[in-house]
Amino acid sequence: MIVYSLNCSKGHSFDEWFTSSSDYDTQIKARSLACPTCGDKKVAKGLMAPSVGKSAAAPAPACGAPSCGNMGCPMSGAK
């Protein structure tokens, strides 16, 4: 299942669930989607933010140095 944020041509926003992205395409072509607020059948996908999971802790430096931080990497010769 996938949820899309949709907008009608009159400016109303709503969410709708689909079994797949092709299910959305099929319903748009058939004009079977309608705005729940005004009934407008001219709807399109709205802007959506990607779903981002929690990030893990930062990985250890590739060189194995215990702490590079902002002090420069002892392996690169930077100070």
N, C-alpha and C. Protein backbone atom coordinates (compact mmCIF):
# COMPACT_ATOMS: atom_id res chain seq x y z
N MET A 1 0.85 -1.19 0.00
CA MET A 1 0.00 0.00 0.00
C MET A 1 0.89 1.24 0.00
N ILE A 2 0.38 2.27 -0.65
CA ILE A 2 1.10 3.54 -0.73
C ILE A 2 0.08 4.67 -0.57
N VAL A 3 0.49 5.72 0.13
CA VAL A 3 -0.40 6.87 0.31
C VAL A 3 0.19 8.05 -0.46
N TYR A 4 -0.68 8.74 -1.17
CA TYR A 4 -0.28 9.94 -1.90
C TYR A 4 -1.06 11.13 -1.36
N SER A 5 -0.38 12.26 -1.28
CA SER A 5 -1.05 13.52 -1.00
C SER A 5 -1.54 14.04 -2.34
N LEU A 6 -2.83 14.32 -2.43
CA LEU A 6 -3.44 14.77 -3.67
C LEU A 6 -4.01 16.17 -3.50
N ASN A 7 -4.12 16.89 -4.60
CA ASN A 7 -4.72 18.23 -4.62
C ASN A 7 -5.72 18.27 -5.76
N CYS A 8 -6.87 18.91 -5.51
CA CYS A 8 -7.83 19.11 -6.59
C CYS A 8 -7.55 20.46 -7.24
N SER A 9 -8.19 20.71 -8.36
CA SER A 9 -7.94 21.96 -9.09
C SER A 9 -8.48 23.19 -8.35
N LYS A 10 -9.28 22.95 -7.31
CA LYS A 10 -9.82 24.07 -6.53
C LYS A 10 -8.99 24.36 -5.28
N GLY A 11 -7.86 23.62 -5.12
CA GLY A 11 -6.93 23.91 -4.03
C GLY A 11 -7.10 23.08 -2.78
N HIS A 12 -8.01 22.12 -2.76
CA HIS A 12 -8.17 21.26 -1.58
C HIS A 12 -7.10 20.16 -1.60
N SER A 13 -6.59 19.82 -0.43
CA SER A 13 -5.60 18.75 -0.28
C SER A 13 -6.21 17.59 0.50
N PHE A 14 -5.84 16.38 0.10
CA PHE A 14 -6.31 15.19 0.81
C PHE A 14 -5.37 14.04 0.52
N ASP A 15 -5.40 13.03 1.37
CA ASP A 15 -4.58 11.84 1.21
C ASP A 15 -5.44 10.69 0.71
N GLU A 16 -4.85 9.83 -0.09
CA GLU A 16 -5.57 8.67 -0.63
C GLU A 16 -4.60 7.49 -0.68
N TRP A 17 -5.10 6.31 -0.31
CA TRP A 17 -4.30 5.08 -0.32
C TRP A 17 -4.50 4.34 -1.64
N PHE A 18 -3.41 3.74 -2.14
CA PHE A 18 -3.45 2.95 -3.37
C PHE A 18 -2.67 1.67 -3.15
N THR A 19 -3.02 0.63 -3.90
CA THR A 19 -2.31 -0.64 -3.77
C THR A 19 -0.92 -0.56 -4.40
N SER A 20 -0.74 0.34 -5.38
CA SER A 20 0.54 0.52 -6.04
C SER A 20 0.51 1.84 -6.81
N SER A 21 1.66 2.23 -7.35
CA SER A 21 1.68 3.48 -8.14
C SER A 21 0.88 3.30 -9.44
N SER A 22 0.86 2.07 -9.97
CA SER A 22 0.06 1.84 -11.18
C SER A 22 -1.43 1.91 -10.88
N ASP A 23 -1.83 1.57 -9.65
CA ASP A 23 -3.24 1.70 -9.25
C ASP A 23 -3.64 3.18 -9.30
N TYR A 24 -2.75 4.06 -8.82
CA TYR A 24 -3.01 5.51 -8.91
C TYR A 24 -3.19 5.92 -10.37
N ASP A 25 -2.26 5.49 -11.23
CA ASP A 25 -2.32 5.85 -12.66
C ASP A 25 -3.63 5.40 -13.29
N THR A 26 -4.05 4.18 -12.97
CA THR A 26 -5.30 3.63 -13.51
C THR A 26 -6.50 4.47 -13.08
N GLN A 27 -6.54 4.82 -11.80
CA GLN A 27 -7.68 5.60 -11.28
C GLN A 27 -7.70 7.02 -11.84
N ILE A 28 -6.52 7.60 -12.05
CA ILE A 28 -6.46 8.95 -12.64
C ILE A 28 -6.99 8.91 -14.07
N LYS A 29 -6.54 7.93 -14.86
CA LYS A 29 -6.99 7.81 -16.25
C LYS A 29 -8.49 7.58 -16.34
N ALA A 30 -9.04 6.81 -15.39
CA ALA A 30 -10.47 6.51 -15.38
C ALA A 30 -11.30 7.64 -14.76
N ARG A 31 -10.60 8.66 -14.23
CA ARG A 31 -11.25 9.77 -13.54
C ARG A 31 -12.18 9.27 -12.43
N SER A 32 -11.70 8.24 -11.70
CA SER A 32 -12.51 7.69 -10.61
C SER A 32 -12.15 8.30 -9.26
N LEU A 33 -11.14 9.16 -9.23
CA LEU A 33 -10.78 9.86 -7.99
C LEU A 33 -11.53 11.18 -7.93
N ALA A 34 -11.98 11.52 -6.73
CA ALA A 34 -12.69 12.79 -6.55
C ALA A 34 -12.30 13.41 -5.22
N CYS A 35 -12.23 14.72 -5.20
CA CYS A 35 -11.94 15.44 -3.96
C CYS A 35 -13.07 15.21 -2.96
N PRO A 36 -12.76 14.77 -1.73
CA PRO A 36 -13.81 14.54 -0.74
C PRO A 36 -14.50 15.83 -0.27
N THR A 37 -13.87 16.97 -0.49
CA THR A 37 -14.44 18.25 -0.05
C THR A 37 -15.44 18.81 -1.06
N CYS A 38 -15.05 18.81 -2.35
CA CYS A 38 -15.90 19.46 -3.35
C CYS A 38 -16.34 18.55 -4.49
N GLY A 39 -15.78 17.32 -4.55
CA GLY A 39 -16.17 16.39 -5.60
C GLY A 39 -15.44 16.59 -6.92
N ASP A 40 -14.52 17.54 -6.99
CA ASP A 40 -13.76 17.81 -8.21
C ASP A 40 -12.99 16.55 -8.63
N LYS A 41 -13.06 16.18 -9.89
CA LYS A 41 -12.37 14.99 -10.38
C LYS A 41 -11.05 15.32 -11.05
N LYS A 42 -10.67 16.59 -11.07
CA LYS A 42 -9.38 16.98 -11.62
C LYS A 42 -8.40 17.04 -10.45
N VAL A 43 -7.75 15.90 -10.17
CA VAL A 43 -6.82 15.80 -9.05
C VAL A 43 -5.44 15.39 -9.56
N ALA A 44 -4.43 15.74 -8.79
CA ALA A 44 -3.05 15.41 -9.12
C ALA A 44 -2.28 15.23 -7.82
N LYS A 45 -1.14 14.57 -7.92
CA LYS A 45 -0.28 14.39 -6.75
C LYS A 45 0.24 15.74 -6.29
N GLY A 46 0.29 15.90 -4.98
CA GLY A 46 0.88 17.09 -4.39
C GLY A 46 2.33 16.82 -4.03
N LEU A 47 3.01 17.82 -3.51
CA LEU A 47 4.39 17.64 -3.06
C LEU A 47 4.39 16.79 -1.80
N MET A 48 5.32 15.85 -1.77
CA MET A 48 5.41 14.97 -0.61
C MET A 48 6.86 14.91 -0.15
N ALA A 49 7.05 14.86 1.15
CA ALA A 49 8.39 14.69 1.70
C ALA A 49 8.71 13.20 1.72
N PRO A 50 9.95 12.85 1.45
CA PRO A 50 10.30 11.44 1.49
C PRO A 50 10.27 10.91 2.92
N SER A 51 10.02 9.65 3.06
CA SER A 51 10.04 9.02 4.37
C SER A 51 11.48 8.66 4.69
N VAL A 52 12.01 9.26 5.75
CA VAL A 52 13.40 9.04 6.12
C VAL A 52 13.44 8.43 7.51
N GLY A 53 14.12 7.30 7.61
CA GLY A 53 14.24 6.63 8.90
C GLY A 53 15.28 7.29 9.77
N LYS A 54 15.36 6.82 11.01
CA LYS A 54 16.37 7.34 11.92
C LYS A 54 17.74 6.92 11.43
N SER A 55 18.69 7.83 11.57
CA SER A 55 20.04 7.49 11.14
C SER A 55 20.77 6.80 12.28
N ALA A 56 21.68 5.94 11.92
CA ALA A 56 22.50 5.26 12.91
C ALA A 56 23.61 6.20 13.35
N ALA A 57 24.33 5.81 14.38
CA ALA A 57 25.46 6.61 14.84
C ALA A 57 26.48 6.71 13.71
N ALA A 58 27.22 7.78 13.71
CA ALA A 58 28.24 7.98 12.67
C ALA A 58 29.23 6.84 12.69
N PRO A 59 29.62 6.34 11.53
CA PRO A 59 30.57 5.23 11.49
C PRO A 59 31.95 5.69 11.95
N ALA A 60 32.74 4.75 12.38
CA ALA A 60 34.11 5.04 12.80
C ALA A 60 34.92 5.46 11.58
N PRO A 61 35.94 6.29 11.77
CA PRO A 61 36.77 6.68 10.64
C PRO A 61 37.37 5.45 9.96
N ALA A 62 37.52 5.52 8.63
CA ALA A 62 38.05 4.40 7.87
C ALA A 62 39.48 4.07 8.26
N CYS A 63 40.21 5.07 8.75
CA CYS A 63 41.60 4.85 9.10
C CYS A 63 41.74 4.16 10.45
N GLY A 64 40.68 4.13 11.24
CA GLY A 64 40.72 3.48 12.55
C GLY A 64 41.15 4.41 13.66
N ALA A 65 41.43 5.68 13.36
CA ALA A 65 41.81 6.62 14.41
C ALA A 65 40.63 6.79 15.36
N PRO A 66 40.90 6.84 16.65
CA PRO A 66 39.80 6.92 17.62
C PRO A 66 38.98 8.20 17.52
N SER A 67 39.59 9.31 17.13
CA SER A 67 38.83 10.55 17.07
C SER A 67 39.46 11.52 16.09
N CYS A 68 38.78 11.76 14.98
CA CYS A 68 39.26 12.76 14.02
C CYS A 68 38.63 14.11 14.34
N GLY A 69 37.31 14.10 14.65
CA GLY A 69 36.59 15.33 15.00
C GLY A 69 36.93 16.49 14.09
N ASN A 70 36.99 17.68 14.63
CA ASN A 70 37.38 18.87 13.88
C ASN A 70 38.86 19.19 14.05
N MET A 71 39.60 18.27 14.61
CA MET A 71 41.01 18.50 14.91
C MET A 71 41.91 18.11 13.75
N GLY A 72 41.34 17.55 12.69
CA GLY A 72 42.16 17.09 11.56
C GLY A 72 42.47 15.61 11.75
N CYS A 73 42.59 14.91 10.68
CA CYS A 73 42.84 13.47 10.73
C CYS A 73 44.34 13.22 10.90
N PRO A 74 44.74 12.48 11.93
CA PRO A 74 46.17 12.21 12.13
C PRO A 74 46.75 11.39 10.97
N MET A 75 45.93 10.69 10.24
CA MET A 75 46.41 9.86 9.14
C MET A 75 46.66 10.69 7.88
N SER A 76 46.04 11.87 7.76
CA SER A 76 46.19 12.68 6.55
C SER A 76 47.32 13.71 6.70
N GLY A 77 47.81 13.90 7.91
CA GLY A 77 48.84 14.90 8.13
C GLY A 77 48.26 16.29 8.36
N ALA A 78 46.94 16.43 8.30
CA ALA A 78 46.28 17.72 8.54
C ALA A 78 46.33 18.04 10.02
N LYS A 79 46.50 19.29 10.33
CA LYS A 79 46.54 19.70 11.74
C LYS A 79 45.42 20.66 12.03
